[in-house]
Amino acid sequence: MICLMVALFLLIPALEVSAATVSLPLSDGADGTSVTAYAAGWIEGDAVPSEPINTRYVMPISVNLKSSSLSPEPPTESGLESANSNEVSALPQNPSLTAPSVYGISGNAQITLAWNSVPNADSYNIKRSLTSGGPYAIIVNLPATSYSYTDNSVTNGITYYYIVTAVNSNGESADSNVVSVTPEDPILSTPQIQWTSFGDSVVNNYWNTIPGSTGYNLKRSTSPGGPYTTVTTTTYTSYSDTSVTNGITYYYVVSALKSSGGESGYSREISVTPRIPVPPPVAPTNLTGEVSNGHVILNWNASNNAAAYNVRRSVYAGGPHMLLASTVTGTTYTDASAAAGVTYYYVVSAIGAGGESNPSNEASVTIPNQPNLDIAIAETKVAVGDEIKANVVLKNVNNIYAEDFSVHYDNNRFEYLGIEEVSGYKIYNTPIDQNGTIRFIIASQGQAYGINGETIILKLKLRAKAAGTGKIDAFKCRIANTEREFDLDENSCLEDTVLIGDVQDVNKSGDYTLLDLAIDAYYYGKHASNADPVKYNVNQAGDEFVTNEDLVYIVNKILANSNYTPNH
């Protein structure tokens, strides 16, 4: 028995059937035998409404053979058939494979496809066309482990259409969805010239890097706005243009280059005039600073070729120094913004045709705090009937020997009891209480009692007589050293207040005793609201928590209570 393999493309009216290979059994010695064989294939599409789609058919085929070589020969006059046509092969469509779902991403001269995994697939056919709907040609077959493909054989600006099919030994799936993608050269950002410098017949340009660019065109013109000619094409981000003439102004722009050969837009135009460099002035010398009327006065020596000066200041020795004043035309400057009590560090630089000089020597200046006459009450809260002392304190002074000032107290809240002099400072007038206002003239008792810094010069004694906030303040203050006298402004004559409460001990018995101290000790560290306000007044010092201040206050009230006697 001899078998002959014949490749056929089966046609049925109104049906397209895939190619099939037919195996024909022949008897030895057969010659010119007509053999009927059967070919099987899959009918694709929906051409036969009465038959199911993708139904397998078997049909008879007649083949004439020559027995001598088992090869067909050209037709003869006797009417034999011609030789076989070329062989055509195709995969039958396999309905058990689902079509992949595909999407595409455009790139620069490339397109990337991706798809989902198809069960039972052995590989995937990637097909491409320049026309929507095909015909599609296979550009690559990929193994089943591949789920993406980058097509680098594309041209920017042309739209490509893709489908993907899954393949195994039983055939090929239906086509995937059609994906249309147009590769494009990415849009480049516009570079900008960051800064320029110039010298003798040279201009240096520096610009920023643009991601994705392949290089840069630096262009220039001698007119604002162009037209521009290319100075250089470079992959660097700087260029020194030596083809310039001193004294001529040049206008520069830069653009980024695309891989496709195009370029980005132009940067902002920068104008530069090359010239022979002029050295900057020398640094100013002998910078000094002093305090006058609460301001800092700076002076320095002039610099040759300086047109103006920049003044800089810092609160740190050695800087950094921040610009305080620019283009100062003289060699002196008054800093009216300096605060008292702060040390400032100053430098000055000269400005000329060649730029700015190095800084001068550093000068440090401290404005002393302004002298003031302060009232200081130690207590923050007292009760009606309590005695207090209000200290009169002179602060921030040097070598002061005499003071003339007045004190006013709230005579609705306080009763004036008198004064207590401080050793070394004597009151030389007769203080008279005039409705709560008392004037004092005081002098130091010798050089040893000259006032420097902060000193108590007098103590007022008062008794609280009514609940509320009592205020004591100083005014009309004048002081003198051995060379001059001067008045303190209103803001330098200060005041203090104290809260006056009604007499109420902790347990509200009317007397402060050890029992009051014990109750507050029990609530020590707690918020006053923890105690029953109907029974107890544990908040003795005025804040919201029971602290040492409350206990000290109670002990002082116990010591001042004549009705309380300790155990003998």
Foldseek 3Di string as FASTA:
>chain_A
DDWDWDWDFDDDVQWGWFIFIWIFDDDQPDAQDKDKTKTKTFTADCSDVVDDHRDIDIDIDIDTAGRPVRADDADDPVGHHGGDDDHDHAFGADAVKAFWAKEWDAEALKIKMFTDQIPPFQWKFKWKDLDVPDPTDTPDIGGSVDGMDMGNNGHAPGKMKIWMWGDDPRGIYDTYDIYIDGHHFDAKDWKAFPDWDAAAQKIKTFIDDIPQFQWKWKWKALDPPDPTDTQDTGRHRMDMRNNGHAPGKMKIWMWTATPVGRIHDTYDIDIDGHDHADAWWAAWEDWEWDDDPQKIKIFTHDTPQFQFKWKWKDLDVPDPTDTDDPRHRDGMDIGNPDDAPGKMKMWMWGQHPNGIYDTYDIYIYHHHDDKFWEWDWPAQEAEAFDKTKIFTKIARDFQWFKKKWKKFKQVVFKDWDAKDFDPQKDWDDDWDQDNRMTITIIGGDDSVPGDHGMDGGIMTMIGTHDFDKIKMWMDFMKIDHPPGIDTDDPVRTYMDIHGYHHDAAFQRPRAQDVVSLVVLVVQAPHFPVVDDVVGTDSPQRPDGGRYVSSNVNSVVRLVVTPVDDDDD
